Every structure is written in C-alpha cells, then in structure tokens.
Protein backbone atom coordinates (compact mmCIF):
# COMPACT_ATOMS: atom_id res chain seq x y z
CA MET A 1 -16.10 46.57 68.63
CA ARG A 2 -15.47 47.01 72.29
CA LEU A 3 -12.69 49.16 73.59
CA LEU A 4 -11.33 49.05 77.13
CA ILE A 5 -9.14 51.94 78.21
CA ALA A 6 -7.38 52.26 81.55
CA LEU A 7 -5.31 55.26 82.59
CA SER A 8 -2.60 55.21 85.25
CA ILE A 9 -0.10 57.81 86.44
CA LEU A 10 3.15 57.58 84.49
CA ALA A 11 6.04 56.97 86.89
CA LEU A 12 8.35 54.02 86.34
CA GLY A 13 6.78 53.52 82.93
CA LEU A 14 8.37 56.68 81.61
CA ALA A 15 11.61 55.78 83.30
CA GLN A 16 11.94 52.55 81.35
CA PRO A 17 11.46 53.00 77.58
CA ALA A 18 10.79 49.77 75.69
CA ALA A 19 13.83 48.32 73.97
CA ALA A 20 12.18 48.52 70.58
CA GLN A 21 12.06 52.30 70.91
CA ASN A 22 15.82 52.69 70.94
CA GLY A 23 15.64 53.13 67.21
CA ALA A 24 13.67 56.33 67.74
CA GLU A 25 16.93 58.20 68.26
CA GLU A 26 17.56 57.72 64.53
CA MET A 27 14.37 59.53 63.57
CA ILE A 28 14.44 62.81 61.68
CA ALA A 29 14.06 65.77 64.02
CA PRO A 30 11.11 68.08 63.41
CA VAL A 31 11.87 71.13 61.28
CA PRO A 32 12.94 73.86 63.74
CA PRO A 33 10.67 76.92 63.96
CA PRO A 34 11.58 80.09 62.01
CA ARG A 35 13.72 82.64 63.80
CA PRO A 36 11.49 85.52 65.01
CA ALA A 37 11.93 88.85 63.24
CA HIS A 38 12.89 90.61 66.49
CA LEU A 39 15.83 88.23 66.77
CA GLY A 40 17.12 89.12 63.33
CA GLY A 41 15.23 86.48 61.37
CA THR A 42 14.26 86.98 57.72
CA ALA A 43 11.89 85.26 55.34
CA ASN A 44 14.83 83.35 53.85
CA ASP A 45 16.21 81.92 57.09
CA ASN A 46 14.38 78.62 56.74
CA GLU A 47 14.19 78.11 53.00
CA PHE A 48 15.63 74.61 52.94
CA ASP A 49 14.48 71.16 51.94
CA ILE A 50 11.70 70.33 54.40
CA GLU A 51 11.49 66.79 53.07
CA ASN A 52 15.13 66.15 54.02
CA PRO A 53 16.34 68.93 56.33
CA PHE A 54 19.28 67.07 57.89
CA ASP A 55 22.20 64.98 56.78
CA GLU A 56 20.95 61.46 56.05
CA ASP A 57 24.12 59.91 57.49
CA GLU A 58 23.30 61.45 60.87
CA LEU A 59 19.51 61.21 60.87
CA PRO A 60 17.99 58.57 58.57
CA GLU A 61 14.38 58.81 57.48
CA GLY A 62 11.80 58.57 60.22
CA VAL A 63 8.75 60.07 61.77
CA ILE A 64 8.28 63.83 62.16
CA ILE A 65 6.28 64.62 65.31
CA ASP A 66 6.58 68.06 66.92
CA GLY A 67 5.59 68.81 70.49
CA GLY A 68 6.76 69.67 73.98
CA THR A 69 6.62 72.83 76.06
CA PHE A 70 9.69 74.80 77.06
CA ASP A 71 9.79 76.73 80.31
CA ASP A 72 11.68 79.82 79.12
CA GLU A 73 10.41 82.80 77.17
CA PHE A 74 13.06 84.38 74.97
CA ASP A 75 13.58 88.03 74.13
CA ALA A 76 16.22 89.59 71.93
CA ARG A 77 19.68 88.68 73.22
CA PRO A 78 22.85 90.79 73.18
CA ASP A 79 25.41 90.09 70.49
CA PHE A 80 28.07 87.75 71.89
CA SER A 81 29.60 86.92 68.52
CA GLY A 82 32.96 88.20 69.73
CA ILE A 83 33.15 85.47 72.38
CA THR A 84 34.24 82.10 71.01
CA THR A 85 35.14 80.31 74.24
CA PRO A 86 32.71 77.39 74.90
CA GLN A 87 30.28 78.07 77.73
CA PRO A 88 28.75 75.37 79.98
CA LEU A 89 25.23 74.24 79.06
CA THR A 90 23.11 71.77 81.07
CA LEU A 91 19.82 70.35 79.77
CA SER A 92 17.21 68.26 81.57
CA ALA A 93 13.53 67.39 81.08
CA ARG A 94 10.44 66.96 83.27
CA ILE A 95 7.09 65.42 82.36
CA SER A 96 5.23 68.34 83.99
CA SER A 97 6.06 71.60 85.76
CA ASN A 98 6.25 69.89 89.15
CA GLY A 99 6.76 66.36 87.87
CA PRO A 100 9.82 64.15 88.14
CA TYR A 101 12.82 64.48 85.88
CA ILE A 102 12.95 61.95 83.06
CA PRO A 103 15.81 59.68 84.22
CA GLU A 104 16.79 57.98 80.96
CA GLY A 105 15.86 57.45 77.33
CA LEU A 106 16.38 61.06 76.18
CA VAL A 107 18.33 61.97 73.05
CA TRP A 108 19.45 65.60 72.75
CA ARG A 109 20.61 67.22 69.50
CA ILE A 110 21.77 70.78 69.00
CA PHE A 111 21.98 72.37 65.54
CA ASP A 112 23.29 75.63 64.10
CA SER A 113 20.43 78.09 63.84
CA ARG A 114 21.09 79.06 60.24
CA THR A 115 21.16 76.80 57.22
CA ASP A 116 24.35 76.41 55.23
CA SER A 117 24.77 76.80 51.47
CA SER A 118 23.19 73.39 50.89
CA GLY A 119 20.10 74.34 52.89
CA GLU A 120 20.86 72.06 55.84
CA LEU A 121 21.27 72.61 59.55
CA ALA A 122 24.56 71.25 60.87
CA MET A 123 24.39 69.26 64.09
CA VAL A 124 26.96 70.63 66.52
CA ALA A 125 26.34 68.44 69.57
CA LYS A 126 24.50 65.31 70.69
CA SER A 127 23.97 63.51 74.00
CA GLU A 128 21.99 60.55 75.28
CA ASP A 129 22.37 61.47 78.94
CA ALA A 130 19.22 62.28 80.93
CA THR A 131 20.98 65.42 82.19
CA ALA A 132 23.05 66.49 79.21
CA THR A 133 26.07 68.76 79.50
CA PHE A 134 27.72 70.61 76.62
CA GLY A 135 30.28 73.31 75.96
CA LEU A 136 29.19 75.71 73.21
CA PRO A 137 30.24 79.22 72.13
CA PRO A 138 27.63 81.88 72.93
CA GLY A 139 24.96 82.25 70.30
CA GLU A 140 21.67 80.97 69.01
CA TYR A 141 21.04 77.28 68.28
CA MET A 142 18.16 74.94 67.48
CA LEU A 143 17.43 72.33 70.15
CA HIS A 144 15.77 68.98 69.49
CA VAL A 145 14.99 66.35 72.12
CA ALA A 146 13.48 62.89 71.63
CA PHE A 147 12.06 60.44 74.14
CA GLY A 148 10.94 57.24 72.44
CA ARG A 149 8.71 58.46 69.64
CA ALA A 150 7.94 61.76 71.35
CA GLN A 151 9.90 64.76 70.05
CA ALA A 152 10.16 68.50 70.60
CA THR A 153 12.13 71.43 69.17
CA ASP A 154 12.80 75.02 70.17
CA THR A 155 15.30 77.85 69.93
CA LEU A 156 18.23 77.70 72.35
CA PHE A 157 20.38 80.67 73.45
CA VAL A 158 23.81 80.16 74.99
CA GLU A 159 25.20 83.14 76.92
CA PRO A 160 28.48 83.73 78.77
CA GLY A 161 28.47 81.85 82.04
CA PRO A 162 26.49 78.78 83.15
CA ASN A 163 23.42 77.96 81.04
CA ASN A 164 20.80 75.68 82.55
CA ARG A 165 17.58 74.67 80.82
CA THR A 166 14.79 72.39 82.03
CA ILE A 167 12.24 71.33 79.41
CA ILE A 168 8.64 70.55 80.27
CA PHE A 169 8.15 67.63 77.91
CA GLU A 170 4.46 66.85 77.41
CA VAL A 171 4.92 63.14 76.88
CA GLY A 172 2.76 60.16 77.75
CA ALA A 173 2.73 56.51 76.79
CA LEU A 174 0.51 53.98 75.06
CA ARG A 175 0.26 50.25 75.65
CA LEU A 176 -1.92 48.22 73.26
CA ASP A 177 -3.42 44.75 73.23
CA ALA A 178 -6.24 42.92 71.44
CA LEU A 179 -8.43 39.85 71.87
CA ILE A 180 -10.94 37.98 69.75
CA THR A 181 -14.49 38.89 70.72
CA GLY A 182 -15.38 36.64 73.63
CA ASP A 183 -12.04 37.27 75.36
CA ILE A 184 -10.21 34.67 73.27
CA ALA A 185 -6.45 35.23 73.18
CA ILE A 186 -4.70 35.89 69.90
CA PRO A 187 -1.63 33.68 69.30
CA PRO A 188 1.73 35.45 69.71
CA GLY A 189 3.19 36.84 66.53
CA MET A 190 -0.20 37.24 64.78
CA LEU A 191 -1.07 40.68 66.17
CA ARG A 192 0.46 44.03 65.27
CA PHE A 193 -0.46 47.69 65.71
CA ASP A 194 0.15 50.80 63.62
CA ILE A 195 -0.05 54.29 65.14
CA TYR A 196 -0.87 57.44 63.14
CA SER A 197 -1.18 61.15 63.88
CA ASP A 198 -2.66 64.05 61.93
CA GLY A 199 -0.05 66.36 60.44
CA PRO A 200 -0.20 69.59 58.44
CA ASN A 201 -0.07 67.63 55.17
CA GLY A 202 -2.27 64.70 56.19
CA ARG A 203 -1.83 61.55 58.21
CA ILE A 204 1.65 60.82 59.57
CA THR A 205 2.89 57.33 60.39
CA VAL A 206 4.19 57.44 63.96
CA ALA A 207 4.97 53.73 64.44
CA GLU A 208 4.31 50.49 62.57
CA ASN A 209 4.24 46.80 63.49
CA ILE A 210 4.16 47.44 67.24
CA PRO A 211 3.71 44.14 69.14
CA PRO A 212 1.08 43.91 71.89
CA GLY A 213 2.16 45.02 75.34
CA GLU A 214 5.02 47.28 74.23
CA LEU A 215 5.18 50.65 75.97
CA VAL A 216 5.30 53.38 73.31
CA HIS A 217 6.26 56.91 74.43
CA LEU A 218 4.46 59.63 72.46
CA ASN A 219 3.77 63.34 72.51
CA ALA A 220 0.49 64.09 74.25
CA GLY A 221 -2.37 64.16 71.75
CA VAL A 222 -4.90 62.07 69.82
CA TYR A 223 -3.71 59.10 67.73
CA SER A 224 -5.36 56.75 65.26
CA ILE A 225 -4.73 53.09 66.03
CA VAL A 226 -4.93 50.25 63.52
CA SER A 227 -4.89 46.67 64.87
CA ARG A 228 -4.09 43.84 62.44
CA PHE A 229 -4.83 40.21 63.28
CA GLY A 230 -3.20 38.11 60.59
CA PRO A 231 -2.28 39.36 57.12
CA ILE A 232 -5.67 39.65 55.37
CA ASN A 233 -8.79 41.50 56.46
CA ALA A 234 -9.06 41.20 60.24
CA VAL A 235 -8.45 44.89 60.85
CA ILE A 236 -10.00 47.25 63.41
CA ARG A 237 -9.45 50.96 64.00
CA SER A 238 -9.84 53.27 66.94
CA GLU A 239 -8.73 56.66 68.24
CA LEU A 240 -6.98 57.11 71.58
CA ARG A 241 -5.82 60.15 73.52
CA VAL A 242 -2.41 60.18 75.18
CA GLU A 243 -2.27 62.45 78.23
CA PRO A 244 0.93 64.02 79.59
CA GLY A 245 2.44 61.94 82.36
CA GLN A 246 0.01 59.04 81.94
CA VAL A 247 -0.02 55.58 80.40
CA THR A 248 -3.05 54.86 78.22
CA GLU A 249 -3.76 51.13 78.11
CA ALA A 250 -6.23 49.88 75.51
CA THR A 251 -7.58 46.45 74.54
CA LEU A 252 -9.28 46.19 71.16
CA TYR A 253 -11.57 43.31 70.10
CA HIS A 254 -11.41 41.55 66.74
CA LYS A 255 -14.44 39.92 65.16
CA ALA A 256 -12.41 37.27 63.37
CA ALA A 257 -11.10 33.72 63.60
CA GLN A 258 -8.33 31.48 62.33
CA VAL A 259 -9.34 28.89 59.72
CA THR A 260 -7.51 25.86 58.31
CA LEU A 261 -8.56 24.34 54.97
CA LYS A 262 -8.59 20.62 54.11
CA LEU A 263 -9.60 18.72 51.01
CA VAL A 264 -10.66 15.21 52.06
CA SER A 265 -12.34 12.20 50.48
CA GLU A 266 -14.46 11.61 53.60
CA GLU A 267 -15.39 13.54 56.72
CA GLY A 268 -12.45 13.66 59.12
CA GLY A 269 -10.25 12.02 56.51
CA GLU A 270 -6.64 12.65 55.71
CA ALA A 271 -5.92 15.93 53.95
CA ILE A 272 -5.02 15.65 50.27
CA ALA A 273 -1.69 17.24 49.33
CA ASP A 274 -0.77 19.64 46.50
CA VAL A 275 -4.13 21.39 46.41
CA GLU A 276 -4.39 24.91 44.97
CA TRP A 277 -6.55 26.98 47.33
CA THR A 278 -8.46 30.21 46.80
CA ILE A 279 -10.79 32.02 49.21
CA LYS A 280 -13.22 34.64 47.94
CA THR A 281 -15.51 36.98 49.81
CA ALA A 282 -19.27 37.01 49.23
CA GLY A 283 -18.64 39.89 46.83
CA GLY A 284 -16.21 37.84 44.75
CA GLU A 285 -12.96 39.42 45.94
CA THR A 286 -10.03 37.02 46.24
CA VAL A 287 -8.48 37.42 49.67
CA PHE A 288 -6.32 34.30 49.99
CA THR A 289 -4.38 31.86 47.79
CA ASP A 290 -2.04 29.04 48.72
CA ILE A 291 -0.87 25.56 47.74
CA GLY A 292 -0.70 22.69 50.19
CA ALA A 293 -2.61 20.24 52.35
CA PHE A 294 -3.33 22.44 55.40
CA PRO A 295 -3.28 26.14 54.46
CA ALA A 296 -4.26 28.37 57.37
CA THR A 297 -5.14 32.04 57.65
CA VAL A 298 -7.17 34.58 59.63
CA LEU A 299 -10.42 36.00 58.31
CA ALA A 300 -12.80 38.66 59.55
CA GLU A 301 -16.34 37.50 60.27
CA GLY A 302 -18.47 37.05 57.16
CA GLN A 303 -19.41 34.74 54.31
CA TYR A 304 -16.73 33.17 52.10
CA LEU A 305 -16.27 30.70 49.25
CA ALA A 306 -13.36 28.23 49.36
CA LEU A 307 -12.10 26.78 46.06
CA ALA A 308 -9.83 23.71 46.03
CA LYS A 309 -8.23 22.81 42.70
CA LEU A 310 -6.77 19.32 42.40
CA GLY A 311 -5.49 18.67 38.90
CA PRO A 312 -8.19 19.76 36.45
CA THR A 313 -10.98 19.47 39.01
CA VAL A 314 -12.15 22.35 41.23
CA TYR A 315 -14.09 21.67 44.43
CA ASN A 316 -15.78 24.41 46.39
CA ARG A 317 -17.65 25.12 49.58
CA GLU A 318 -19.33 28.16 51.06
CA PHE A 319 -18.59 28.78 54.73
CA GLU A 320 -19.13 31.39 57.41
CA VAL A 321 -16.54 32.84 59.75
CA ARG A 322 -17.71 33.78 63.22
CA PRO A 323 -15.54 35.30 65.96
CA GLY A 324 -14.07 32.53 68.06
CA SER A 325 -11.43 29.87 68.31
CA ALA A 326 -9.59 28.36 65.34
CA ARG A 327 -11.61 25.94 63.20
CA GLU A 328 -11.14 23.59 60.23
CA ILE A 329 -13.01 23.94 56.96
CA GLU A 330 -13.31 20.60 55.11
CA ILE A 331 -14.21 20.20 51.46
CA LEU A 332 -15.33 16.71 50.46
CA THR A 333 -14.37 15.33 47.09
CA THR A 334 -17.12 12.69 47.32
CA VAL A 335 -19.88 15.29 47.30
CA TYR A 336 -19.19 16.25 43.70
C-alpha cells in the first residue's frame, strides 16, 4: 500500500467547514474536567452518568473528543454569589497563539458547573457566532466549544464587568482520497472513509462514511483511517497525524477491482437470467451472494471461486482478482 501525504498551511480551509460537518454541533460535549480542590471542588462534584452526561434532547449521541488549549490560567476567585445581574462575556477562538481568528463554524455551549439532582449539567447558553457574546451572572461555568469534529472543554469564570476570552484551539483538518493501485480512479459513491481515535477506554469512532475530498476538522493528534472500496473486503488502513493549523491530505491505494459475473452458453454470449451466485475465497469463506444475470461487486486481490446455480445445476469457476479496471468473469455452461 502506498500512501501520499501533503501538508499545507490551514487558512481558508479552516474558514470554510464542509457542509457535512454541520451535524457536529449535535455531538455530545466532552465530560468537563473536575473542579480543582482549591476552587471548592469535592470528590462528589462530578459523580454523574459519564455515558450520558447531558440532556439527550439538547445533545444527541455523538463522538466524544477532548482537546484544545485555553490561554488563561485560573486561580481561586472571589465569591460573587451575591451579584445576580448578568455580566457581558465575549468568546473567540484562534488556531494558534498568533494565528488568525476562526471566522465561522464554531458552536459554543456553556453549562452550570455543578450537576443537578439527576446528575446532569444544565446548559445555560449557546451560540453559533464566531465571536460569541453572552450575559451571565458572575460565577463558575463549564465551557465547551466545537469546530467541525474538533472539540474542547474548560472551566469558565464570569466576574463583574466585561469578560473576554480567546481560546487557542489546536485544530487541523484532514482530506482523504483513494485510488486503485496503478492510479485508477474509483467510481463515485463506492468509496468511504472511517476515522478513529484512541480514547481512555479504547478506540473511539470520530467519523464514519466520509466521502472522498471532504474537509474534516479535527483536534490535533494521530488518527486511524479505514478506507472501504465497495461493501466486501477491499479495505485498507493507515494512521495519519493532524497538525494544528494545517490540512493533511492523504491518498490511499487499494489493491482491488470491480468484477461482474455472467453465466453464458458460449464465450461472449448473452447472460442467463435468474442465476443464484456465490463467491468464496480460497479459504472457503463466502463473501458474496446475489441473484440475477449481471451481479457486480468489488473484491480485494486474491483467488476466488464463483458458483452459479441455475435450477438444480451448479456451475463454477476459479478466478483471480488483480488490482485494475473493472472486468467480467464468465462461466460457461457448455464446459460441464
């Protein structure tokens, strides 16, 4: 398997999230960090359902990916509990300390810092503006921000007077494509990618069924990529690193080909209808079944056995799949 990777500085790419990523705003926010002991936290502050920490009506099931760097260090804050008047809060995000502000595609959520009796954090504010403005009473909150499939959380303090926060969001992007070995294009609609990340409890699904060429915004880090050509066994895997402020472009190569099956009475003859088809690997595993005159599929390179059942009679032929363009596999009834 060959892998071509090209890196370019992330400018307009980060400014224009792919349309398919709009659904990322419905993803579950990462579990906020525990409140530090010097801020009044206790061991029981975060004893809530980690599997479903938020209200499902507000945040349906999704991917949990934590990340991002915040530019403020927090110490113990004075007690402003006696002040209930909302104070102005402005939030923005950069892709590096001196990098440009992210101009669109951000989703901000602010939660109460303590769980309620049901063990959930209540969301008190939300904005999809690049520079978000809120009015909140002084106090401690949990902040979550999402950009595509990249997410970050941290503690947020609101004090009397203007509150301005700029987040250094370590986010990059990934753009994937694949070809058949020999630089043969894969037909549209037959190629999909899945993206995974390592989490504290094992592998986490970050994104599934991503079409080629889509720009996917992610937290900086290493990801496992699975490329699927067709529905059977043409699968390749790789690992890619996403760098902050950069687009990682990768082309993966499949050793596979499309095949079409025909049962004919003579070479090049008309395909016989209503044939029951089975394809087995050299090890005897059934990988494909269908009924019809021209069943087609995609197979990884290797040796296979095709079985064609017409009425009580079964015809068969061994064949080899090599990486390349689509080909027909004929089985002759006159041979048997």
